[in-house]
N, C-alpha and C. Protein backbone atom coordinates (compact mmCIF):
# COMPACT_ATOMS: atom_id res chain seq x y z
N MET A 1 96.78 96.96 -152.58
CA MET A 1 96.19 97.16 -151.48
C MET A 1 97.30 97.41 -150.18
N GLN A 2 96.72 98.30 -149.74
CA GLN A 2 98.10 99.27 -148.88
C GLN A 2 97.17 99.32 -147.34
N THR A 3 97.55 99.36 -146.12
CA THR A 3 97.67 99.55 -145.33
C THR A 3 98.14 99.95 -144.26
N ILE A 4 98.07 101.06 -142.67
CA ILE A 4 98.20 102.12 -142.64
C ILE A 4 97.61 101.21 -140.87
N VAL A 5 98.38 101.44 -139.73
CA VAL A 5 98.16 101.56 -138.58
C VAL A 5 98.04 102.85 -137.55
N LEU A 6 96.84 102.92 -137.13
CA LEU A 6 97.42 104.20 -135.51
C LEU A 6 96.95 103.58 -134.96
N GLN A 7 97.54 104.83 -133.90
CA GLN A 7 97.12 104.38 -132.48
C GLN A 7 96.82 105.75 -131.71
N SER A 8 96.35 105.76 -130.90
CA SER A 8 96.20 107.29 -130.45
C SER A 8 95.34 107.08 -128.59
N GLU A 9 96.00 107.16 -127.82
CA GLU A 9 95.50 107.28 -126.83
C GLU A 9 93.76 107.87 -126.32
N SER A 10 93.89 108.99 -127.53
CA SER A 10 91.62 109.51 -127.77
C SER A 10 91.24 108.61 -128.14
N LYS A 11 90.33 108.73 -127.75
CA LYS A 11 89.01 107.52 -129.17
C LYS A 11 88.47 108.78 -129.95
N SER A 12 88.10 109.62 -128.93
CA SER A 12 88.00 111.08 -130.57
C SER A 12 88.70 111.18 -131.86
N GLU A 13 89.68 111.22 -131.38
CA GLU A 13 90.64 111.50 -132.58
C GLU A 13 90.48 110.44 -133.57
N LEU A 14 90.96 109.87 -133.12
CA LEU A 14 90.29 108.18 -134.35
C LEU A 14 89.35 107.62 -134.58
N LYS A 15 88.39 108.58 -133.59
CA LYS A 15 87.06 108.32 -134.40
C LYS A 15 86.91 109.87 -135.42
N LEU A 16 87.39 110.74 -134.91
CA LEU A 16 87.12 111.96 -135.99
C LEU A 16 88.34 111.49 -137.69
N LEU A 17 89.36 110.63 -137.77
CA LEU A 17 90.14 110.04 -138.37
C LEU A 17 89.50 108.98 -138.78
N ALA A 18 89.00 108.09 -138.57
CA ALA A 18 88.02 107.29 -139.11
C ALA A 18 86.79 107.61 -140.32
N ASP A 19 86.01 108.50 -139.23
CA ASP A 19 84.95 109.28 -140.36
C ASP A 19 85.61 110.07 -141.46
N LEU A 20 86.72 110.39 -141.43
CA LEU A 20 87.28 111.20 -142.34
C LEU A 20 87.79 109.93 -143.56
N ALA A 21 88.59 108.82 -143.27
CA ALA A 21 88.55 107.97 -143.55
C ALA A 21 87.30 107.27 -144.56
N LYS A 22 86.64 107.49 -144.18
CA LYS A 22 85.46 106.72 -144.51
C LYS A 22 84.77 107.53 -145.90
N LYS A 23 84.98 108.91 -145.09
CA LYS A 23 83.63 109.90 -146.26
C LYS A 23 85.30 109.73 -147.63
N LEU A 24 86.50 109.32 -147.10
CA LEU A 24 87.08 109.31 -148.66
C LEU A 24 87.20 107.95 -149.51
N GLY A 25 86.13 107.09 -148.67
CA GLY A 25 86.20 105.67 -149.16
C GLY A 25 87.01 104.49 -148.96
N ILE A 26 88.16 105.00 -148.16
CA ILE A 26 88.91 103.96 -146.92
C ILE A 26 88.20 103.24 -145.44
N LYS A 27 88.50 101.89 -146.52
CA LYS A 27 87.59 100.94 -145.46
C LYS A 27 88.64 101.38 -144.26
N VAL A 28 87.71 101.56 -142.99
CA VAL A 28 88.33 101.44 -141.36
C VAL A 28 87.74 100.02 -140.42
N LYS A 29 88.80 99.30 -139.91
CA LYS A 29 88.46 98.61 -139.09
C LYS A 29 89.69 99.05 -137.80
N PHE A 30 88.81 98.73 -136.68
CA PHE A 30 89.48 98.96 -135.25
C PHE A 30 89.96 97.22 -135.15
N LEU A 31 90.73 97.38 -134.27
CA LEU A 31 91.90 96.17 -133.71
C LEU A 31 91.33 95.87 -132.43
N SER A 32 90.81 94.95 -131.83
CA SER A 32 90.82 94.06 -130.72
C SER A 32 91.44 93.35 -130.10
N SER A 33 92.01 94.06 -128.95
CA SER A 33 93.05 92.77 -128.02
C SER A 33 93.50 91.84 -128.71
N GLU A 34 92.27 91.42 -128.88
CA GLU A 34 92.51 89.81 -129.31
C GLU A 34 92.96 89.79 -130.90
N ASP A 35 92.87 90.34 -131.52
CA ASP A 35 93.84 90.59 -132.79
C ASP A 35 95.00 91.18 -132.42
N LYS A 36 95.45 92.03 -132.01
CA LYS A 36 96.31 92.41 -131.69
C LYS A 36 97.45 90.88 -131.10
N GLU A 37 96.98 90.63 -130.58
CA GLU A 37 97.31 89.23 -129.89
C GLU A 37 97.88 88.38 -131.07
N ASP A 38 97.03 88.29 -132.07
CA ASP A 38 97.19 87.21 -132.86
C ASP A 38 98.21 88.10 -133.87
N ILE A 39 98.19 89.31 -134.27
CA ILE A 39 99.22 89.88 -135.23
C ILE A 39 100.88 89.44 -134.84
N GLY A 40 100.81 89.73 -132.94
CA GLY A 40 102.28 89.86 -132.61
C GLY A 40 102.63 88.21 -132.83
N LEU A 41 101.31 86.94 -132.53
CA LEU A 41 101.68 85.84 -132.59
C LEU A 41 102.08 85.73 -133.66
N LEU A 42 101.97 86.41 -134.85
CA LEU A 42 101.75 85.21 -136.10
C LEU A 42 103.51 85.88 -136.38
N ASN A 43 103.99 87.42 -136.08
CA ASN A 43 104.85 87.72 -136.56
C ASN A 43 106.48 87.10 -136.03
N ALA A 44 105.71 86.41 -134.39
CA ALA A 44 106.68 85.86 -133.70
C ALA A 44 106.80 84.24 -134.75
N ILE A 45 105.86 84.00 -135.09
CA ILE A 45 105.88 82.95 -135.58
C ILE A 45 106.72 82.65 -136.91
N ASN A 46 106.47 83.32 -137.93
CA ASN A 46 107.51 84.21 -139.60
C ASN A 46 108.54 84.75 -138.63
N ILE A 47 109.09 85.37 -138.03
CA ILE A 47 110.60 85.50 -137.20
C ILE A 47 111.01 83.90 -136.79
N GLY A 48 110.54 82.89 -136.53
CA GLY A 48 110.90 81.90 -136.11
C GLY A 48 110.93 80.72 -136.27
N LYS A 49 110.82 81.17 -138.10
CA LYS A 49 111.11 79.95 -138.65
C LYS A 49 112.54 79.93 -139.49
N THR A 50 112.45 78.42 -139.41
CA THR A 50 113.93 78.13 -140.08
C THR A 50 113.95 77.02 -141.24
N GLY A 51 112.14 76.02 -141.66
CA GLY A 51 112.30 75.53 -142.86
C GLY A 51 113.19 74.08 -142.75
N GLU A 52 114.04 73.92 -141.48
CA GLU A 52 114.14 72.69 -140.91
C GLU A 52 113.39 72.20 -140.53
N TYR A 53 113.01 70.55 -140.42
CA TYR A 53 112.51 69.53 -139.00
C TYR A 53 112.96 69.96 -137.87
N ILE A 54 112.11 69.60 -136.98
CA ILE A 54 112.51 69.73 -135.58
C ILE A 54 111.88 68.00 -134.47
N ASP A 55 113.07 67.57 -134.40
CA ASP A 55 112.41 66.08 -133.92
C ASP A 55 111.89 66.69 -132.30
N SER A 56 110.35 66.83 -132.90
CA SER A 56 110.00 67.26 -131.32
C SER A 56 109.72 66.93 -129.74
N THR A 57 110.46 65.15 -129.47
CA THR A 57 110.37 64.63 -128.69
C THR A 57 111.90 65.33 -128.51
N ALA A 58 113.20 65.23 -128.75
CA ALA A 58 114.00 65.29 -128.77
C ALA A 58 113.75 67.07 -128.28
N PHE A 59 112.64 68.05 -129.01
CA PHE A 59 112.52 69.10 -128.47
C PHE A 59 112.08 68.94 -127.01
N LEU A 60 111.50 68.67 -127.06
CA LEU A 60 110.49 68.54 -125.30
C LEU A 60 111.44 68.18 -123.68
N LYS A 61 112.43 67.22 -124.88
CA LYS A 61 112.59 66.52 -123.58
C LYS A 61 114.19 67.49 -123.25
N LYS A 62 114.72 68.53 -123.60
CA LYS A 62 115.91 70.18 -124.03
C LYS A 62 114.94 70.57 -123.25
N LEU A 63 113.95 71.40 -123.57
CA LEU A 63 112.91 71.87 -123.13
C LEU A 63 112.92 71.46 -121.06
N ARG A 64 112.85 70.43 -121.20
CA ARG A 64 112.15 69.50 -119.55
C ARG A 64 113.47 69.98 -118.45
N LYS A 65 114.89 69.94 -119.31
CA LYS A 65 115.66 70.16 -117.94
C LYS A 65 116.04 70.86 -117.83
């Protein structure tokens, strides 16, 4: 499966592309603001993963300083 993300200031242009994609048998999904936030959060989590154990108590103490 392949994915493409398109962004435009014009709703009519995106609708035209979406209609064409549907005619070609390509699944179309418009992302909500919440969907975009979720993707950004997931990306941030994946970038921040180290695989190391972090002591949450010590981490919170450092944050409070």
